[in-house]
Each structure stands twice: as structure tokens, then as C-alpha cells.
Amino acid sequence: MSCSENNVIDFASRANKQEAVAKLKLLCLIDSEIGRLNLVDKLKANYEIKTVSTIFNALQLLKQEIPACVIVQLHLKDENCFDFLRMLASNSEFSRIPTITCCVDDVFDKNIEDYLIKVASFMGSKLYIPCADFYSPALGSKVALSLASKLFPLAS
């Protein structure tokens, strides 16, 4: 193998490493296995995703590394997502992390869902993804647009 071939291979391996480093990191608190699998499937091409199913595990990961965004299931089976959002908002280190809430199953009456969305928004959630959008191919673009607007806001 010639020296120039080595340089091409070395450059390609460095580019692949840089591409992996460049992916934004997301922390996803979703207790539905189907929901977690769907999220990873739709977002894995563009993001480094860590999924957890409990608030405790989410907090443990947050202590290790601050993600670009946290995605939280609105209706956790055994926990209250608002407790988690409150913890994030009250912690100076975590309060700047953009949060997205989502619904992974149709459990809410429309009026209840509207109320919960308002509460989540009040607690800092930047975007709500309803169940129909959560399982659609558009999930990735919704997350990307939300993150782009938070990470690179337009000058006013």
C-alpha cells in the first residue's frame, strides 16, 4: 500500500470518528419499550441516543453527561414526568437543557391532554409531540426543527 493510500484511509477513518462525535446527544425518558424502540429507530441516524425508563436512571445519566436535549414521555406509568421537569428546572446545571415532551400512547382525553401540555410548557418543555406524530416518519424532523430553533435561534 502506498503512502497516499494510507493517507486516504487515515483521513476516512478520522472523518468517520468526527462524524460520530458531531452527533448531538439526546437523553430520552420513556417507560414504554415500544416507544423507546420507535424513538431510537427514527432518530439514530442523526443523534446519539441514550434511553432510560425511570427518573432515577435519567438523573444518574444527567450527572455523568449533559445532553443537547431531553425527551420525556408525558404519561409515565409509575412516575410523574412533572416531578422530573421540576427537578430539571430547579437545577442550575440542568435548567438550560431543552426538553421535549411526547405522548407514546393514546391515553388522554383531548381536554386533559391540552391541560397537561400547558403544564409541561409552563415547566419548560419546548415542544410537545402527540402520539400520532410520535409514530410518524416526521418525528425526526420535528425534533431537528425544535433543536435547531433552541440551539441556533434567529436574531430578532
C-alpha atoms as a PDB file:
ATOM      1  CA  MET A   1       0.000   0.000   0.000  1.00  0.00           C
ATOM      2  CA  SER A   2       1.417   3.387  -0.966  1.00  0.00           C
ATOM      3  CA  CYS A   3       1.801   6.363   1.339  1.00  0.00           C
ATOM      4  CA  SER A   4      -1.031   8.230  -0.420  1.00  0.00           C
ATOM      5  CA  GLU A   5      -3.376   5.256   0.050  1.00  0.00           C
ATOM      6  CA  ASN A   6      -2.565   5.252   3.779  1.00  0.00           C
ATOM      7  CA  ASN A   7      -3.378   8.959   3.955  1.00  0.00           C
ATOM      8  CA  VAL A   8      -6.738   8.410   2.245  1.00  0.00           C
ATOM      9  CA  ILE A   9      -7.633   5.585   4.620  1.00  0.00           C
ATOM     10  CA  ASP A  10      -6.439   7.572   7.633  1.00  0.00           C
ATOM     11  CA  PHE A  11      -8.431  10.624   6.504  1.00  0.00           C
ATOM     12  CA  ALA A  12     -11.566   8.498   6.005  1.00  0.00           C
ATOM     13  CA  SER A  13     -11.263   6.909   9.459  1.00  0.00           C
ATOM     14  CA  ARG A  14     -10.795  10.352  11.056  1.00  0.00           C
ATOM     15  CA  ALA A  15     -13.816  11.689   9.177  1.00  0.00           C
ATOM     16  CA  ASN A  16     -15.927   8.784  10.459  1.00  0.00           C
ATOM     17  CA  LYS A  17     -14.764   9.447  14.021  1.00  0.00           C
ATOM     18  CA  GLN A  18     -15.529  13.160  13.698  1.00  0.00           C
ATOM     19  CA  GLU A  19     -18.971  12.385  12.261  1.00  0.00           C
ATOM     20  CA  ALA A  20     -19.723  10.205  15.289  1.00  0.00           C
ATOM     21  CA  VAL A  21     -18.501  12.929  17.645  1.00  0.00           C
ATOM     22  CA  ALA A  22     -20.606  15.568  15.859  1.00  0.00           C
ATOM     23  CA  LYS A  23     -23.927  13.853  16.626  1.00  0.00           C
ATOM     24  CA  LEU A  24     -25.994  15.666  19.234  1.00  0.00           C
ATOM     25  CA  LYS A  25     -26.672  13.651  22.356  1.00  0.00           C
ATOM     26  CA  LEU A  26     -30.253  13.074  23.452  1.00  0.00           C
ATOM     27  CA  LEU A  27     -31.490  11.630  26.716  1.00  0.00           C
ATOM     28  CA  CYS A  28     -34.891  10.000  26.371  1.00  0.00           C
ATOM     29  CA  LEU A  29     -37.024   9.164  29.410  1.00  0.00           C
ATOM     30  CA  ILE A  30     -39.666   6.830  28.046  1.00  0.00           C
ATOM     31  CA  ASP A  31     -41.017   3.871  30.011  1.00  0.00           C
ATOM     32  CA  SER A  32     -42.709   2.228  27.029  1.00  0.00           C
ATOM     33  CA  GLU A  33     -40.380  -0.260  25.330  1.00  0.00           C
ATOM     34  CA  ILE A  34     -42.207   0.190  22.026  1.00  0.00           C
ATOM     35  CA  GLY A  35     -41.870   3.954  22.412  1.00  0.00           C
ATOM     36  CA  ARG A  36     -38.130   3.708  23.109  1.00  0.00           C
ATOM     37  CA  LEU A  37     -37.577   1.411  20.119  1.00  0.00           C
ATOM     38  CA  ASN A  38     -39.565   3.748  17.847  1.00  0.00           C
ATOM     39  CA  LEU A  39     -37.649   6.798  19.019  1.00  0.00           C
ATOM     40  CA  VAL A  40     -34.251   5.166  18.548  1.00  0.00           C
ATOM     41  CA  ASP A  41     -35.260   3.845  15.122  1.00  0.00           C
ATOM     42  CA  LYS A  42     -36.401   7.286  13.920  1.00  0.00           C
ATOM     43  CA  LEU A  43     -33.541   9.333  15.413  1.00  0.00           C
ATOM     44  CA  LYS A  44     -30.449   7.097  15.471  1.00  0.00           C
ATOM     45  CA  ALA A  45     -29.119   8.317  12.118  1.00  0.00           C
ATOM     46  CA  ASN A  46     -28.717  11.885  13.356  1.00  0.00           C
ATOM     47  CA  TYR A  47     -28.371  11.662  17.130  1.00  0.00           C
ATOM     48  CA  GLU A  48     -26.556   9.735  19.818  1.00  0.00           C
ATOM     49  CA  ILE A  49     -29.437   8.494  21.939  1.00  0.00           C
ATOM     50  CA  LYS A  50     -29.460   7.209  25.491  1.00  0.00           C
ATOM     51  CA  THR A  51     -32.780   5.837  26.658  1.00  0.00           C
ATOM     52  CA  VAL A  52     -33.942   5.233  30.207  1.00  0.00           C
ATOM     53  CA  SER A  53     -37.243   4.155  31.687  1.00  0.00           C
ATOM     54  CA  THR A  54     -37.081   5.775  35.137  1.00  0.00           C
ATOM     55  CA  ILE A  55     -36.477   9.231  36.543  1.00  0.00           C
ATOM     56  CA  PHE A  56     -33.739   7.833  38.781  1.00  0.00           C
ATOM     57  CA  ASN A  57     -31.814   6.479  35.778  1.00  0.00           C
ATOM     58  CA  ALA A  58     -32.311   9.751  33.886  1.00  0.00           C
ATOM     59  CA  LEU A  59     -30.843  11.727  36.785  1.00  0.00           C
ATOM     60  CA  GLN A  60     -27.891   9.324  37.010  1.00  0.00           C
ATOM     61  CA  LEU A  61     -27.100   9.864  33.331  1.00  0.00           C
ATOM     62  CA  LEU A  62     -27.531  13.639  33.654  1.00  0.00           C
ATOM     63  CA  LYS A  63     -24.933  13.665  36.429  1.00  0.00           C
ATOM     64  CA  GLN A  64     -22.478  11.927  34.084  1.00  0.00           C
ATOM     65  CA  GLU A  65     -23.093  13.967  30.950  1.00  0.00           C
ATOM     66  CA  ILE A  66     -25.276  16.887  29.866  1.00  0.00           C
ATOM     67  CA  PRO A  67     -27.195  16.073  26.662  1.00  0.00           C
ATOM     68  CA  ALA A  68     -28.240  18.554  23.984  1.00  0.00           C
ATOM     69  CA  CYS A  69     -31.877  17.742  24.744  1.00  0.00           C
ATOM     70  CA  VAL A  70     -34.082  15.612  26.990  1.00  0.00           C
ATOM     71  CA  ILE A  71     -37.177  13.933  25.574  1.00  0.00           C
ATOM     72  CA  VAL A  72     -39.714  12.968  28.246  1.00  0.00           C
ATOM     73  CA  GLN A  73     -42.814  10.809  27.956  1.00  0.00           C
ATOM     74  CA  LEU A  74     -45.751  12.817  29.271  1.00  0.00           C
ATOM     75  CA  HIS A  75     -47.536   9.821  30.776  1.00  0.00           C
ATOM     76  CA  LEU A  76     -45.072   7.700  32.732  1.00  0.00           C
ATOM     77  CA  LYS A  77     -46.759   4.618  34.185  1.00  0.00           C
ATOM     78  CA  ASP A  78     -45.288   4.672  37.697  1.00  0.00           C
ATOM     79  CA  GLU A  79     -43.762   8.134  37.935  1.00  0.00           C
ATOM     80  CA  ASN A  80     -44.727  11.756  37.406  1.00  0.00           C
ATOM     81  CA  CYS A  81     -42.986  13.453  34.468  1.00  0.00           C
ATOM     82  CA  PHE A  82     -43.768  16.832  36.056  1.00  0.00           C
ATOM     83  CA  ASP A  83     -41.599  15.910  39.052  1.00  0.00           C
ATOM     84  CA  PHE A  84     -38.753  15.276  36.620  1.00  0.00           C
ATOM     85  CA  LEU A  85     -39.376  18.523  34.695  1.00  0.00           C
ATOM     86  CA  ARG A  86     -39.467  20.395  38.021  1.00  0.00           C
ATOM     87  CA  MET A  87     -36.127  18.833  39.028  1.00  0.00           C
ATOM     88  CA  LEU A  88     -34.575  19.925  35.742  1.00  0.00           C
ATOM     89  CA  ALA A  89     -35.951  23.467  36.019  1.00  0.00           C
ATOM     90  CA  SER A  90     -34.762  23.908  39.596  1.00  0.00           C
ATOM     91  CA  ASN A  91     -31.190  22.748  38.946  1.00  0.00           C
ATOM     92  CA  SER A  92     -28.909  25.463  37.551  1.00  0.00           C
ATOM     93  CA  GLU A  93     -26.874  22.924  35.592  1.00  0.00           C
ATOM     94  CA  PHE A  94     -29.889  21.163  34.051  1.00  0.00           C
ATOM     95  CA  SER A  95     -32.281  24.091  33.598  1.00  0.00           C
ATOM     96  CA  ARG A  96     -30.704  25.127  30.288  1.00  0.00           C
ATOM     97  CA  ILE A  97     -31.253  21.739  28.656  1.00  0.00           C
ATOM     98  CA  PRO A  98     -34.097  21.961  26.121  1.00  0.00           C
ATOM     99  CA  THR A  99     -36.867  19.488  26.921  1.00  0.00           C
ATOM    100  CA  ILE A 100     -39.418  17.916  24.627  1.00  0.00           C
ATOM    101  CA  THR A 101     -42.455  16.090  25.969  1.00  0.00           C
ATOM    102  CA  CYS A 102     -44.190  13.397  23.986  1.00  0.00           C
ATOM    103  CA  CYS A 103     -47.104  11.022  24.145  1.00  0.00           C
ATOM    104  CA  VAL A 104     -46.440   7.426  23.153  1.00  0.00           C
ATOM    105  CA  ASP A 105     -49.976   6.089  23.593  1.00  0.00           C
ATOM    106  CA  ASP A 106     -53.495   7.449  23.235  1.00  0.00           C
ATOM    107  CA  VAL A 107     -54.436   7.569  26.911  1.00  0.00           C
ATOM    108  CA  PHE A 108     -55.707  11.122  27.221  1.00  0.00           C
ATOM    109  CA  ASP A 109     -58.990  12.816  26.558  1.00  0.00           C
ATOM    110  CA  LYS A 110     -58.289  15.888  24.362  1.00  0.00           C
ATOM    111  CA  ASN A 111     -59.108  18.360  27.191  1.00  0.00           C
ATOM    112  CA  ILE A 112     -56.833  16.560  29.642  1.00  0.00           C
ATOM    113  CA  GLU A 113     -54.076  16.393  27.056  1.00  0.00           C
ATOM    114  CA  ASP A 114     -54.371  20.154  26.387  1.00  0.00           C
ATOM    115  CA  TYR A 115     -54.114  20.856  30.120  1.00  0.00           C
ATOM    116  CA  LEU A 116     -51.050  18.599  30.533  1.00  0.00           C
ATOM    117  CA  ILE A 117     -49.343  20.218  27.544  1.00  0.00           C
ATOM    118  CA  LYS A 118     -49.828  23.647  29.133  1.00  0.00           C
ATOM    119  CA  VAL A 119     -48.403  22.445  32.446  1.00  0.00           C
ATOM    120  CA  ALA A 120     -45.412  20.866  30.687  1.00  0.00           C
ATOM    121  CA  SER A 121     -44.851  24.070  28.722  1.00  0.00           C
ATOM    122  CA  PHE A 122     -45.005  26.103  31.913  1.00  0.00           C
ATOM    123  CA  MET A 123     -42.366  23.775  33.380  1.00  0.00           C
ATOM    124  CA  GLY A 124     -40.010  24.374  30.473  1.00  0.00           C
ATOM    125  CA  SER A 125     -40.964  21.876  27.781  1.00  0.00           C
ATOM    126  CA  LYS A 126     -40.145  23.462  24.421  1.00  0.00           C
ATOM    127  CA  LEU A 127     -42.199  21.127  22.242  1.00  0.00           C
ATOM    128  CA  TYR A 128     -44.965  18.578  22.631  1.00  0.00           C
ATOM    129  CA  ILE A 129     -45.129  15.644  20.235  1.00  0.00           C
ATOM    130  CA  PRO A 130     -48.566  13.982  20.183  1.00  0.00           C
ATOM    131  CA  CYS A 131     -48.932  10.232  19.769  1.00  0.00           C
ATOM    132  CA  ALA A 132     -49.831  10.441  16.061  1.00  0.00           C
ATOM    133  CA  ASP A 133     -46.642  12.388  15.324  1.00  0.00           C
ATOM    134  CA  PHE A 134     -44.514  10.265  17.654  1.00  0.00           C
ATOM    135  CA  TYR A 135     -45.021   7.212  15.453  1.00  0.00           C
ATOM    136  CA  SER A 136     -44.911   9.075  12.122  1.00  0.00           C
ATOM    137  CA  PRO A 137     -41.880   9.395   9.849  1.00  0.00           C
ATOM    138  CA  ALA A 138     -41.913  13.141  10.637  1.00  0.00           C
ATOM    139  CA  LEU A 139     -40.681  12.574  14.209  1.00  0.00           C
ATOM    140  CA  GLY A 140     -37.056  13.161  13.267  1.00  0.00           C
ATOM    141  CA  SER A 141     -37.753  16.438  11.501  1.00  0.00           C
ATOM    142  CA  LYS A 142     -39.898  17.728  14.402  1.00  0.00           C
ATOM    143  CA  VAL A 143     -37.079  17.051  16.859  1.00  0.00           C
ATOM    144  CA  ALA A 144     -34.483  18.551  14.495  1.00  0.00           C
ATOM    145  CA  LEU A 145     -36.500  21.748  13.969  1.00  0.00           C
ATOM    146  CA  SER A 146     -37.092  22.138  17.688  1.00  0.00           C
ATOM    147  CA  LEU A 147     -33.421  21.673  18.499  1.00  0.00           C
ATOM    148  CA  ALA A 148     -32.291  23.971  15.706  1.00  0.00           C
ATOM    149  CA  SER A 149     -34.531  26.745  16.987  1.00  0.00           C
ATOM    150  CA  LYS A 150     -33.159  26.334  20.549  1.00  0.00           C
ATOM    151  CA  LEU A 151     -29.503  25.868  19.654  1.00  0.00           C
ATOM    152  CA  PHE A 152     -29.407  28.435  16.829  1.00  0.00           C
ATOM    153  CA  PRO A 153     -32.173  30.991  17.499  1.00  0.00           C
ATOM    154  CA  LEU A 154     -32.941  33.583  14.859  1.00  0.00           C
ATOM    155  CA  ALA A 155     -31.744  37.069  15.674  1.00  0.00           C
ATOM    156  CA  SER A 156     -34.624  39.387  16.475  1.00  0.00           C
END
